PDB file of N, CA and C in Angstrom:
ATOM      1  N   MET A   1      -5.167 -23.894 -25.206  1.00  0.00           N
ATOM      2  CA  MET A   1      -6.683 -23.393 -25.247  1.00  0.00           C
ATOM      3  C   MET A   1      -6.488 -22.752 -23.572  1.00  0.00           C
ATOM      4  N   LYS A   2      -7.077 -21.397 -23.692  1.00  0.00           N
ATOM      5  CA  LYS A   2      -7.046 -20.600 -22.326  1.00  0.00           C
ATOM      6  C   LYS A   2      -8.438 -20.852 -21.569  1.00  0.00           C
ATOM      7  N   SER A   3      -7.788 -21.036 -20.299  1.00  0.00           N
ATOM      8  CA  SER A   3      -9.445 -21.284 -19.654  1.00  0.00           C
ATOM      9  C   SER A   3      -9.349 -20.350 -18.665  1.00  0.00           C
ATOM     10  N   LYS A   4     -10.754 -19.648 -18.416  1.00  0.00           N
ATOM     11  CA  LYS A   4     -10.761 -18.115 -17.823  1.00  0.00           C
ATOM     12  C   LYS A   4     -11.531 -18.616 -16.950  1.00  0.00           C
ATOM     13  N   LEU A   5     -11.128 -18.597 -15.367  1.00  0.00           N
ATOM     14  CA  LEU A   5     -11.298 -18.383 -14.194  1.00  0.00           C
ATOM     15  C   LEU A   5     -12.112 -17.392 -13.932  1.00  0.00           C
ATOM     16  N   ASN A   6     -13.200 -17.718 -13.379  1.00  0.00           N
ATOM     17  CA  ASN A   6     -14.254 -16.859 -13.150  1.00  0.00           C
ATOM     18  C   ASN A   6     -14.289 -16.906 -11.637  1.00  0.00           C
ATOM     19  N   ILE A   7     -13.720 -15.526 -11.100  1.00  0.00           N
ATOM     20  CA  ILE A   7     -13.578 -15.383  -9.546  1.00  0.00           C
ATOM     21  C   ILE A   7     -14.559 -14.301  -8.732  1.00  0.00           C
ATOM     22  N   ASN A   8     -15.813 -14.708  -8.557  1.00  0.00           N
ATOM     23  CA  ASN A   8     -16.036 -13.912  -8.086  1.00  0.00           C
ATOM     24  C   ASN A   8     -16.066 -13.285  -6.812  1.00  0.00           C
ATOM     25  N   LEU A   9     -15.508 -11.780  -7.267  1.00  0.00           N
ATOM     26  CA  LEU A   9     -14.898 -11.006  -6.256  1.00  0.00           C
ATOM     27  C   LEU A   9     -16.343  -9.899  -5.672  1.00  0.00           C
ATOM     28  N   PRO A  10     -15.897  -9.937  -4.302  1.00  0.00           N
ATOM     29  CA  PRO A  10     -16.942  -8.909  -3.884  1.00  0.00           C
ATOM     30  C   PRO A  10     -16.972  -7.458  -4.606  1.00  0.00           C
ATOM     31  N   GLN A  11     -17.813  -6.724  -4.454  1.00  0.00           N
ATOM     32  CA  GLN A  11     -17.809  -5.324  -5.326  1.00  0.00           C
ATOM     33  C   GLN A  11     -18.299  -4.437  -3.802  1.00  0.00           C
ATOM     34  N   LYS A  12     -18.334  -4.815  -3.277  1.00  0.00           N
ATOM     35  CA  LYS A  12     -18.192  -4.094  -1.505  1.00  0.00           C
ATOM     36  C   LYS A  12     -17.173  -4.101  -0.767  1.00  0.00           C
ATOM     37  N   SER A  13     -16.943  -3.642   0.241  1.00  0.00           N
ATOM     38  CA  SER A  13     -15.940  -3.747   0.906  1.00  0.00           C
ATOM     39  C   SER A  13     -16.631  -4.367   2.481  1.00  0.00           C
ATOM     40  N   ILE A  14     -16.049  -4.338   3.475  1.00  0.00           N
ATOM     41  CA  ILE A  14     -16.338  -5.217   4.529  1.00  0.00           C
ATOM     42  C   ILE A  14     -17.113  -3.776   5.740  1.00  0.00           C
ATOM     43  N   PHE A  15     -17.152  -2.612   5.115  1.00  0.00           N
ATOM     44  CA  PHE A  15     -17.665  -1.816   5.642  1.00  0.00           C
ATOM     45  C   PHE A  15     -18.907  -1.155   4.316  1.00  0.00           C
ATOM     46  N   GLY A  16     -19.209  -1.698   3.614  1.00  0.00           N
ATOM     47  CA  GLY A  16     -20.545  -1.382   2.321  1.00  0.00           C
ATOM     48  C   GLY A  16     -19.682  -0.559   1.643  1.00  0.00           C
ATOM     49  N   PHE A  17     -18.850   0.032   1.534  1.00  0.00           N
ATOM     50  CA  PHE A  17     -18.339   0.892   0.751  1.00  0.00           C
ATOM     51  C   PHE A  17     -17.658   0.242  -0.705  1.00  0.00           C
ATOM     52  N   LYS A  18     -18.210   1.010  -1.797  1.00  0.00           N
ATOM     53  CA  LYS A  18     -17.815   0.422  -3.158  1.00  0.00           C
ATOM     54  C   LYS A  18     -16.353   0.055  -3.519  1.00  0.00           C
ATOM     55  N   ILE A  19     -15.917  -0.626  -3.894  1.00  0.00           N
ATOM     56  CA  ILE A  19     -14.431  -1.537  -4.206  1.00  0.00           C
ATOM     57  C   ILE A  19     -13.638  -0.206  -4.920  1.00  0.00           C
ATOM     58  N   LEU A  20     -12.662   0.291  -5.213  1.00  0.00           N
ATOM     59  CA  LEU A  20     -12.354   1.300  -5.950  1.00  0.00           C
ATOM     60  C   LEU A  20     -11.689   0.680  -7.346  1.00  0.00           C
ATOM     61  N   THR A  21     -12.165   1.138  -8.170  1.00  0.00           N
ATOM     62  CA  THR A  21     -11.638   0.953  -9.914  1.00  0.00           C
ATOM     63  C   THR A  21     -10.032   1.016  -9.710  1.00  0.00           C
ATOM     64  N   SER A  22      -9.100   0.676 -10.739  1.00  0.00           N
ATOM     65  CA  SER A  22      -8.375   0.559 -11.047  1.00  0.00           C
ATOM     66  C   SER A  22      -7.600   1.402 -11.084  1.00  0.00           C
ATOM     67  N   LEU A  23      -7.969   2.900 -11.742  1.00  0.00           N
ATOM     68  CA  LEU A  23      -7.631   3.934 -11.863  1.00  0.00           C
ATOM     69  C   LEU A  23      -7.990   4.751 -10.211  1.00  0.00           C
ATOM     70  N   GLN A  24      -8.900   4.660  -9.731  1.00  0.00           N
ATOM     71  CA  GLN A  24      -8.740   5.176  -8.199  1.00  0.00           C
ATOM     72  C   GLN A  24      -7.215   4.558  -7.523  1.00  0.00           C
ATOM     73  N   SER A  25      -7.580   3.106  -7.464  1.00  0.00           N
ATOM     74  CA  SER A  25      -6.739   2.438  -6.686  1.00  0.00           C
ATOM     75  C   SER A  25      -5.559   3.005  -7.002  1.00  0.00           C
ATOM     76  N   SER A  26      -4.986   3.297  -8.386  1.00  0.00           N
ATOM     77  CA  SER A  26      -3.586   4.051  -8.851  1.00  0.00           C
ATOM     78  C   SER A  26      -3.173   5.469  -8.683  1.00  0.00           C
ATOM     79  N   ILE A  27      -4.385   6.262  -8.370  1.00  0.00           N
ATOM     80  CA  ILE A  27      -4.178   7.851  -7.733  1.00  0.00           C
ATOM     81  C   ILE A  27      -4.098   7.424  -6.263  1.00  0.00           C
ATOM     82  N   ALA A  28      -4.806   7.051  -5.650  1.00  0.00           N
ATOM     83  CA  ALA A  28      -4.608   6.816  -4.132  1.00  0.00           C
ATOM     84  C   ALA A  28      -3.446   6.583  -3.693  1.00  0.00           C
ATOM     85  N   CYS A  29      -2.667   5.081  -4.272  1.00  0.00           N
ATOM     86  CA  CYS A  29      -1.505   4.786  -4.442  1.00  0.00           C
ATOM     87  C   CYS A  29      -0.456   6.202  -4.303  1.00  0.00           C
ATOM     88  N   TYR A  30      -0.288   6.965  -5.352  1.00  0.00           N
ATOM     89  CA  TYR A  30       0.495   8.041  -5.844  1.00  0.00           C
ATOM     90  C   TYR A  30      -0.077   9.031  -4.601  1.00  0.00           C
ATOM     91  N   ILE A  31      -1.218   9.463  -4.189  1.00  0.00           N
ATOM     92  CA  ILE A  31      -1.396   9.957  -2.885  1.00  0.00           C
ATOM     93  C   ILE A  31      -1.132   9.977  -1.850  1.00  0.00           C
ATOM     94  N   LEU A  32      -0.942   8.889  -1.366  1.00  0.00           N
ATOM     95  CA  LEU A  32      -0.413   8.261  -0.264  1.00  0.00           C
ATOM     96  C   LEU A  32       1.246   8.254  -0.250  1.00  0.00           C
ATOM     97  N   LEU A  33       1.944   7.936  -1.422  1.00  0.00           N
ATOM     98  CA  LEU A  33       3.377   7.960  -1.239  1.00  0.00           C
ATOM     99  C   LEU A  33       3.900   9.432  -1.553  1.00  0.00           C
ATOM    100  N   LEU A  34       2.926  10.224  -1.804  1.00  0.00           N
ATOM    101  CA  LEU A  34       3.422  11.936  -1.473  1.00  0.00           C
ATOM    102  C   LEU A  34       3.187  12.068  -0.217  1.00  0.00           C
ATOM    103  N   TYR A  35       1.980  11.767   0.795  1.00  0.00           N
ATOM    104  CA  TYR A  35       2.079  12.175   1.853  1.00  0.00           C
ATOM    105  C   TYR A  35       2.704  11.561   2.814  1.00  0.00           C
ATOM    106  N   GLY A  36       3.587  10.519   2.375  1.00  0.00           N
ATOM    107  CA  GLY A  36       4.422   9.697   2.861  1.00  0.00           C
ATOM    108  C   GLY A  36       6.028  10.742   2.973  1.00  0.00           C
ATOM    109  N   LYS A  37       6.337  10.655   1.481  1.00  0.00           N
ATOM    110  CA  LYS A  37       7.050  11.665   1.518  1.00  0.00           C
ATOM    111  C   LYS A  37       7.302  12.984   2.076  1.00  0.00           C
ATOM    112  N   ILE A  38       6.269  13.766   2.482  1.00  0.00           N
ATOM    113  CA  ILE A  38       6.130  14.725   3.038  1.00  0.00           C
ATOM    114  C   ILE A  38       5.803  14.684   4.475  1.00  0.00           C
ATOM    115  N   LEU A  39       5.540  13.785   4.859  1.00  0.00           N
ATOM    116  CA  LEU A  39       5.463  13.702   6.442  1.00  0.00           C
ATOM    117  C   LEU A  39       6.689  13.045   6.666  1.00  0.00           C
ATOM    118  N   ASN A  40       7.281  12.294   6.450  1.00  0.00           N
ATOM    119  CA  ASN A  40       7.984  11.414   7.238  1.00  0.00           C
ATOM    120  C   ASN A  40       9.538  12.443   7.944  1.00  0.00           C
ATOM    121  N   PRO A  41       9.433  13.351   7.429  1.00  0.00           N
ATOM    122  CA  PRO A  41      10.879  14.107   7.695  1.00  0.00           C
ATOM    123  C   PRO A  41      10.201  14.678   9.253  1.00  0.00           C
ATOM    124  N   PHE A  42       9.058  14.964   9.255  1.00  0.00           N
ATOM    125  CA  PHE A  42       8.485  15.756  10.143  1.00  0.00           C
ATOM    126  C   PHE A  42       8.420  15.000  11.935  1.00  0.00           C
ATOM    127  N   PHE A  43       8.817  13.565  11.703  1.00  0.00           N
ATOM    128  CA  PHE A  43       8.700  12.908  12.869  1.00  0.00           C
ATOM    129  C   PHE A  43      10.028  13.016  13.556  1.00  0.00           C
ATOM    130  N   GLY A  44      10.246  13.000  14.987  1.00  0.00           N
ATOM    131  CA  GLY A  44      11.470  13.064  15.901  1.00  0.00           C
ATOM    132  C   GLY A  44      12.240  11.994  16.089  1.00  0.00           C
ATOM    133  N   SER A  45      12.630  12.552  17.037  1.00  0.00           N
ATOM    134  CA  SER A  45      14.066  11.503  17.703  1.00  0.00           C
ATOM    135  C   SER A  45      13.510  10.759  18.888  1.00  0.00           C
ATOM    136  N   SER A  46      12.156  11.150  19.443  1.00  0.00           N
ATOM    137  CA  SER A  46      12.206  10.597  20.793  1.00  0.00           C
ATOM    138  C   SER A  46      11.706   8.956  20.737  1.00  0.00           C
ATOM    139  N   LYS A  47      11.544   8.203  21.911  1.00  0.00           N
ATOM    140  CA  LYS A  47      11.072   7.016  21.381  1.00  0.00           C
ATOM    141  C   LYS A  47       9.812   7.193  21.154  1.00  0.00           C
ATOM    142  N   ILE A  48       8.682   7.830  21.713  1.00  0.00           N
ATOM    143  CA  ILE A  48       7.801   7.482  21.061  1.00  0.00           C
ATOM    144  C   ILE A  48       7.312   8.155  19.673  1.00  0.00           C
ATOM    145  N   GLU A  49       8.229   9.016  19.450  1.00  0.00           N
ATOM    146  CA  GLU A  49       7.660   9.626  17.911  1.00  0.00           C
ATOM    147  C   GLU A  49       8.834   8.693  16.973  1.00  0.00           C
ATOM    148  N   LEU A  50       9.091   7.900  17.631  1.00  0.00           N
ATOM    149  CA  LEU A  50      10.114   6.889  16.664  1.00  0.00           C
ATOM    150  C   LEU A  50       8.970   5.807  16.639  1.00  0.00           C
ATOM    151  N   ILE A  51       8.433   5.255  17.509  1.00  0.00           N
ATOM    152  CA  ILE A  51       7.162   4.404  17.051  1.00  0.00           C
ATOM    153  C   ILE A  51       6.299   4.688  16.610  1.00  0.00           C
ATOM    154  N   SER A  52       5.664   6.256  16.874  1.00  0.00           N
ATOM    155  CA  SER A  52       4.580   6.447  15.526  1.00  0.00           C
ATOM    156  C   SER A  52       5.294   6.609  14.482  1.00  0.00           C
ATOM    157  N   ALA A  53       6.174   6.765  14.311  1.00  0.00           N
ATOM    158  CA  ALA A  53       7.094   6.818  12.686  1.00  0.00           C
ATOM    159  C   ALA A  53       6.898   5.593  12.326  1.00  0.00           C
ATOM    160  N   SER A  54       7.174   4.485  13.169  1.00  0.00           N
ATOM    161  CA  SER A  54       6.855   3.440  12.604  1.00  0.00           C
ATOM    162  C   SER A  54       5.861   2.698  12.200  1.00  0.00           C
ATOM    163  N   LEU A  55       4.975   3.122  13.157  1.00  0.00           N
ATOM    164  CA  LEU A  55       3.109   2.880  13.023  1.00  0.00           C
ATOM    165  C   LEU A  55       2.908   3.300  11.673  1.00  0.00           C
ATOM    166  N   PHE A  56       3.462   4.806  11.438  1.00  0.00           N
ATOM    167  CA  PHE A  56       2.974   5.162  10.307  1.00  0.00           C
ATOM    168  C   PHE A  56       3.446   5.017   8.486  1.00  0.00           C
ATOM    169  N   ASN A  57       4.583   4.382   9.114  1.00  0.00           N
ATOM    170  CA  ASN A  57       4.956   3.962   7.737  1.00  0.00           C
ATOM    171  C   ASN A  57       4.417   2.417   7.881  1.00  0.00           C
ATOM    172  N   PHE A  58       4.459   1.627   8.573  1.00  0.00           N
ATOM    173  CA  PHE A  58       3.432   0.419   8.666  1.00  0.00           C
ATOM    174  C   PHE A  58       2.037   0.868   7.777  1.00  0.00           C
ATOM    175  N   LEU A  59       1.313   1.558   8.388  1.00  0.00           N
ATOM    176  CA  LEU A  59       0.449   1.593   7.702  1.00  0.00           C
ATOM    177  C   LEU A  59       0.122   2.287   6.390  1.00  0.00           C
ATOM    178  N   LEU A  60       1.047   3.037   6.156  1.00  0.00           N
ATOM    179  CA  LEU A  60       1.231   3.849   5.209  1.00  0.00           C
ATOM    180  C   LEU A  60       1.479   2.630   3.910  1.00  0.00           C
ATOM    181  N   ASN A  61       2.552   1.902   4.163  1.00  0.00           N
ATOM    182  CA  ASN A  61       3.000   0.817   3.091  1.00  0.00           C
ATOM    183  C   ASN A  61       2.069  -0.173   2.917  1.00  0.00           C
ATOM    184  N   VAL A  62       1.374  -0.979   4.393  1.00  0.00           N
ATOM    185  CA  VAL A  62      -0.018  -1.875   3.923  1.00  0.00           C
ATOM    186  C   VAL A  62      -1.008  -1.216   3.397  1.00  0.00           C
ATOM    187  N   SER A  63      -1.086   0.168   3.335  1.00  0.00           N
ATOM    188  CA  SER A  63      -2.118   0.451   2.366  1.00  0.00           C
ATOM    189  C   SER A  63      -2.050   0.253   1.106  1.00  0.00           C
ATOM    190  N   ILE A  64      -0.925   1.163   0.609  1.00  0.00           N
ATOM    191  CA  ILE A  64      -0.338   0.939  -0.530  1.00  0.00           C
ATOM    192  C   ILE A  64      -0.156  -0.491  -1.052  1.00  0.00           C
ATOM    193  N   VAL A  65       0.267  -1.559  -0.216  1.00  0.00           N
ATOM    194  CA  VAL A  65       0.176  -2.875  -0.921  1.00  0.00           C
ATOM    195  C   VAL A  65      -0.867  -3.208  -1.718  1.00  0.00           C
ATOM    196  N   ILE A  66      -2.391  -3.109  -0.289  1.00  0.00           N
ATOM    197  CA  ILE A  66      -3.706  -3.407  -0.864  1.00  0.00           C
ATOM    198  C   ILE A  66      -4.138  -2.817  -2.066  1.00  0.00           C
ATOM    199  N   LEU A  67      -3.448  -1.645  -1.998  1.00  0.00           N
ATOM    200  CA  LEU A  67      -4.006  -0.881  -3.039  1.00  0.00           C
ATOM    201  C   LEU A  67      -3.467  -0.955  -4.362  1.00  0.00           C
ATOM    202  N   ILE A  68      -2.433  -1.725  -4.004  1.00  0.00           N
ATOM    203  CA  ILE A  68      -1.524  -2.194  -5.792  1.00  0.00           C
ATOM    204  C   ILE A  68      -1.983  -3.748  -5.788  1.00  0.00           C
ATOM    205  N   ILE A  69      -2.435  -4.275  -5.016  1.00  0.00           N
ATOM    206  CA  ILE A  69      -3.322  -5.769  -5.196  1.00  0.00           C
ATOM    207  C   ILE A  69      -4.407  -5.444  -5.741  1.00  0.00           C
ATOM    208  N   ASN A  70      -5.632  -4.606  -5.334  1.00  0.00           N
ATOM    209  CA  ASN A  70      -7.079  -3.934  -5.648  1.00  0.00           C
ATOM    210  C   ASN A  70      -6.737  -3.732  -7.410  1.00  0.00           C
ATOM    211  N   LEU A  71      -5.535  -2.879  -7.733  1.00  0.00           N
ATOM    212  CA  LEU A  71      -5.658  -2.254  -8.894  1.00  0.00           C
ATOM    213  C   LEU A  71      -4.911  -3.444  -9.832  1.00  0.00           C
ATOM    214  N   PHE A  72      -4.498  -4.345  -9.178  1.00  0.00           N
ATOM    215  CA  PHE A  72      -3.928  -5.468 -10.109  1.00  0.00           C
ATOM    216  C   PHE A  72      -5.217  -6.439 -10.137  1.00  0.00           C
ATOM    217  N   LEU A  73      -5.929  -6.235  -9.618  1.00  0.00           N
ATOM    218  CA  LEU A  73      -7.351  -7.480  -9.804  1.00  0.00           C
ATOM    219  C   LEU A  73      -8.019  -6.705 -10.345  1.00  0.00           C
ATOM    220  N   LYS A  74      -8.127  -5.257 -10.595  1.00  0.00           N
ATOM    221  CA  LYS A  74      -8.820  -4.428 -11.502  1.00  0.00           C
ATOM    222  C   LYS A  74      -8.488  -4.357 -12.793  1.00  0.00           C
ATOM    223  N   ARG A  75      -7.566  -4.635 -13.188  1.00  0.00           N
ATOM    224  CA  ARG A  75      -6.644  -4.376 -14.369  1.00  0.00           C
ATOM    225  C   ARG A  75      -7.356  -4.198 -15.725  1.00  0.00           C
ATOM    226  N   ILE A  76      -8.642  -5.187 -15.835  1.00  0.00           N
ATOM    227  CA  ILE A  76      -9.272  -5.210 -16.814  1.00  0.00           C
ATOM    228  C   ILE A  76      -9.966  -4.265 -17.092  1.00  0.00           C
ATOM    229  N   GLU A  77     -10.445  -2.936 -16.622  1.00  0.00           N
ATOM    230  CA  GLU A  77     -10.915  -2.121 -16.656  1.00  0.00           C
ATOM    231  C   GLU A  77     -10.143  -1.033 -17.662  1.00  0.00           C
ATOM    232  N   LEU A  78      -9.049  -0.930 -17.649  1.00  0.00           N
ATOM    233  CA  LEU A  78      -8.178  -0.172 -18.280  1.00  0.00           C
ATOM    234  C   LEU A  78      -7.628  -1.059 -19.100  1.00  0.00           C
ATOM    235  N   ASN A  79      -7.376  -0.220 -20.569  1.00  0.00           N
ATOM    236  CA  ASN A  79      -6.297  -0.845 -21.599  1.00  0.00           C
ATOM    237  C   ASN A  79      -4.828  -1.124 -21.037  1.00  0.00           C
ATOM    238  N   LYS A  80      -4.221  -2.279 -21.713  1.00  0.00           N
ATOM    239  CA  LYS A  80      -3.015  -2.753 -21.519  1.00  0.00           C
ATOM    240  C   LYS A  80      -1.978  -1.704 -21.211  1.00  0.00           C
ATOM    241  N   THR A  81      -2.021  -0.788 -22.410  1.00  0.00           N
ATOM    242  CA  THR A  81      -0.849   0.213 -22.202  1.00  0.00           C
ATOM    243  C   THR A  81      -1.233   1.360 -21.117  1.00  0.00           C
ATOM    244  N   LYS A  82      -2.164   1.532 -20.989  1.00  0.00           N
ATOM    245  CA  LYS A  82      -2.579   2.700 -20.125  1.00  0.00           C
ATOM    246  C   LYS A  82      -2.306   1.998 -18.785  1.00  0.00           C
ATOM    247  N   PHE A  83      -2.784   0.935 -18.571  1.00  0.00           N
ATOM    248  CA  PHE A  83      -2.544   0.419 -17.200  1.00  0.00           C
ATOM    249  C   PHE A  83      -0.864   0.286 -17.008  1.00  0.00           C
ATOM    250  N   ILE A  84       0.020  -0.380 -17.953  1.00  0.00           N
ATOM    251  CA  ILE A  84       1.584  -0.591 -17.769  1.00  0.00           C
ATOM    252  C   ILE A  84       2.235   0.933 -17.288  1.00  0.00           C
ATOM    253  N   CYS A  85       1.614   2.095 -18.247  1.00  0.00           N
ATOM    254  CA  CYS A  85       2.618   3.320 -17.879  1.00  0.00           C
ATOM    255  C   CYS A  85       2.149   4.149 -16.457  1.00  0.00           C
ATOM    256  N   LEU A  86       0.924   3.793 -16.178  1.00  0.00           N
ATOM    257  CA  LEU A  86       0.268   4.324 -15.363  1.00  0.00           C
ATOM    258  C   LEU A  86       0.765   3.985 -14.010  1.00  0.00           C
ATOM    259  N   ASN A  87       0.858   2.109 -14.264  1.00  0.00           N
ATOM    260  CA  ASN A  87       1.302   1.659 -12.849  1.00  0.00           C
ATOM    261  C   ASN A  87       2.508   0.801 -12.524  1.00  0.00           C
ATOM    262  N   LEU A  88       3.350   1.440 -13.826  1.00  0.00           N
ATOM    263  CA  LEU A  88       4.798   0.843 -13.687  1.00  0.00           C
ATOM    264  C   LEU A  88       5.519   1.356 -12.603  1.00  0.00           C
ATOM    265  N   ILE A  89       5.779   2.307 -11.939  1.00  0.00           N
ATOM    266  CA  ILE A  89       6.607   2.925 -11.167  1.00  0.00           C
ATOM    267  C   ILE A  89       5.835   2.296  -9.836  1.00  0.00           C
ATOM    268  N   LEU A  90       4.488   2.105  -9.595  1.00  0.00           N
ATOM    269  CA  LEU A  90       3.813   1.040  -8.498  1.00  0.00           C
ATOM    270  C   LEU A  90       4.291  -0.132  -8.104  1.00  0.00           C
ATOM    271  N   PHE A  91       4.188  -0.999  -9.421  1.00  0.00           N
ATOM    272  CA  PHE A  91       5.014  -2.123  -9.457  1.00  0.00           C
ATOM    273  C   PHE A  91       6.456  -2.372  -9.005  1.00  0.00           C
ATOM    274  N   ILE A  92       7.411  -1.569  -9.360  1.00  0.00           N
ATOM    275  CA  ILE A  92       8.551  -1.262  -8.965  1.00  0.00           C
ATOM    276  C   ILE A  92       8.614  -0.933  -7.389  1.00  0.00           C
ATOM    277  N   TYR A  93       7.574  -0.170  -7.039  1.00  0.00           N
ATOM    278  CA  TYR A  93       7.566  -0.097  -5.498  1.00  0.00           C
ATOM    279  C   TYR A  93       7.245  -1.280  -4.515  1.00  0.00           C
ATOM    280  N   LEU A  94       6.470  -1.834  -5.061  1.00  0.00           N
ATOM    281  CA  LEU A  94       5.938  -2.783  -4.075  1.00  0.00           C
ATOM    282  C   LEU A  94       6.711  -3.848  -3.553  1.00  0.00           C
ATOM    283  N   PRO A  95       8.079  -4.428  -4.185  1.00  0.00           N
ATOM    284  CA  PRO A  95       9.117  -5.024  -3.054  1.00  0.00           C
ATOM    285  C   PRO A  95       9.381  -4.191  -2.108  1.00  0.00           C
ATOM    286  N   ILE A  96       9.598  -2.779  -2.589  1.00  0.00           N
ATOM    287  CA  ILE A  96      10.189  -1.934  -1.557  1.00  0.00           C
ATOM    288  C   ILE A  96       9.153  -1.707  -0.488  1.00  0.00           C
ATOM    289  N   ALA A  97       7.826  -1.749  -0.829  1.00  0.00           N
ATOM    290  CA  ALA A  97       6.625  -1.387   0.247  1.00  0.00           C
ATOM    291  C   ALA A  97       6.891  -2.876   1.087  1.00  0.00           C
ATOM    292  N   LEU A  98       6.944  -3.869   0.797  1.00  0.00           N
ATOM    293  CA  LEU A  98       6.988  -4.859   1.465  1.00  0.00           C
ATOM    294  C   LEU A  98       7.971  -4.978   2.559  1.00  0.00           C
ATOM    295  N   LYS A  99       8.979  -4.652   1.649  1.00  0.00           N
ATOM    296  CA  LYS A  99      10.234  -4.735   2.869  1.00  0.00           C
ATOM    297  C   LYS A  99      10.092  -3.616   3.877  1.00  0.00           C
ATOM    298  N   ILE A 100       9.896  -2.740   3.645  1.00  0.00           N
ATOM    299  CA  ILE A 100       9.715  -1.551   4.722  1.00  0.00           C
ATOM    300  C   ILE A 100       8.468  -2.334   5.642  1.00  0.00           C
ATOM    301  N   VAL A 101       7.103  -2.953   5.424  1.00  0.00           N
ATOM    302  CA  VAL A 101       6.356  -3.256   6.234  1.00  0.00           C
ATOM    303  C   VAL A 101       7.167  -4.388   7.023  1.00  0.00           C
ATOM    304  N   PHE A 102       7.875  -5.169   6.413  1.00  0.00           N
ATOM    305  CA  PHE A 102       8.602  -6.410   7.671  1.00  0.00           C
ATOM    306  C   PHE A 102       9.391  -5.679   8.371  1.00  0.00           C
ATOM    307  N   SER A 103      10.147  -4.764   7.718  1.00  0.00           N
ATOM    308  CA  SER A 103      11.224  -3.456   8.886  1.00  0.00           C
ATOM    309  C   SER A 103      10.554  -3.075   9.707  1.00  0.00           C
ATOM    310  N   GLU A 104       9.477  -2.429   9.373  1.00  0.00           N
ATOM    311  CA  GLU A 104       8.743  -1.656  10.510  1.00  0.00           C
ATOM    312  C   GLU A 104       8.068  -2.556  11.532  1.00  0.00           C
ATOM    313  N   ILE A 105       7.557  -3.188  11.548  1.00  0.00           N
ATOM    314  CA  ILE A 105       7.327  -4.966  12.672  1.00  0.00           C
ATOM    315  C   ILE A 105       8.323  -5.119  12.952  1.00  0.00           C
ATOM    316  N   ILE A 106       9.650  -5.052  12.893  1.00  0.00           N
ATOM    317  CA  ILE A 106      10.764  -5.622  13.759  1.00  0.00           C
ATOM    318  C   ILE A 106      10.676  -4.469  14.352  1.00  0.00           C
ATOM    319  N   CYS A 107      11.067  -3.716  14.024  1.00  0.00           N
ATOM    320  CA  CYS A 107      11.301  -2.120  14.697  1.00  0.00           C
ATOM    321  C   CYS A 107      10.477  -1.806  15.703  1.00  0.00           C
ATOM    322  N   ILE A 108       8.885  -2.094  15.527  1.00  0.00           N
ATOM    323  CA  ILE A 108       7.777  -1.824  16.045  1.00  0.00           C
ATOM    324  C   ILE A 108       8.430  -3.056  17.622  1.00  0.00           C
ATOM    325  N   LEU A 109       8.805  -3.589  17.028  1.00  0.00           N
ATOM    326  CA  LEU A 109       8.859  -4.848  18.444  1.00  0.00           C
ATOM    327  C   LEU A 109      10.128  -4.762  18.879  1.00  0.00           C
ATOM    328  N   THR A 110      10.861  -4.376  18.655  1.00  0.00           N
ATOM    329  CA  THR A 110      12.059  -3.807  19.099  1.00  0.00           C
ATOM    330  C   THR A 110      11.661  -2.980  20.105  1.00  0.00           C
ATOM    331  N   PHE A 111      11.208  -1.907  19.634  1.00  0.00           N
ATOM    332  CA  PHE A 111      10.991  -0.528  20.408  1.00  0.00           C
ATOM    333  C   PHE A 111      10.167  -1.085  21.914  1.00  0.00           C
ATOM    334  N   LEU A 112       9.206  -1.912  21.683  1.00  0.00           N
ATOM    335  CA  LEU A 112       8.436  -2.180  22.576  1.00  0.00           C
ATOM    336  C   LEU A 112       9.347  -3.623  23.434  1.00  0.00           C
ATOM    337  N   ASN A 113      10.033  -3.776  23.340  1.00  0.00           N
ATOM    338  CA  ASN A 113      10.765  -5.066  24.519  1.00  0.00           C
ATOM    339  C   ASN A 113      11.571  -4.044  24.767  1.00  0.00           C
ATOM    340  N   ILE A 114      12.392  -3.009  24.611  1.00  0.00           N
ATOM    341  CA  ILE A 114      13.298  -2.023  24.908  1.00  0.00           C
ATOM    342  C   ILE A 114      12.633  -1.832  26.041  1.00  0.00           C
ATOM    343  N   GLY A 115      11.481  -1.445  26.180  1.00  0.00           N
ATOM    344  CA  GLY A 115      10.984  -0.749  27.591  1.00  0.00           C
ATOM    345  C   GLY A 115      11.008  -2.077  28.734  1.00  0.00           C
ATOM    346  N   LYS A 116      10.910  -3.327  28.771  1.00  0.00           N
ATOM    347  CA  LYS A 116      11.036  -4.420  29.329  1.00  0.00           C
ATOM    348  C   LYS A 116      12.213  -4.019  30.302  1.00  0.00           C
TER     349      LYS A 116
END
């Protein structure tokens, strides 16, 4: 016997905006991935540029993780085959994004400790 959990998720964000649908979250994830791939080579090699690159990658991948969680929570809006076909790459990328988030935290902390 299946039990349905009725969890009342908020329909607006903390800033008052409407929360994205599953399709909108998927598209936003792909756009952020594209921006990240395009912009990452333009960061330089000085200390301040490496710190800014680490912060950029941290924020980018945290945003992607949040969007993947949102599209998973809103998965009922799409049928199963469309949902899987559209988001398979994002589900494969999720562990990579989490690894990048933790490695960028370590990198940022390392850069901040070098100056002392």
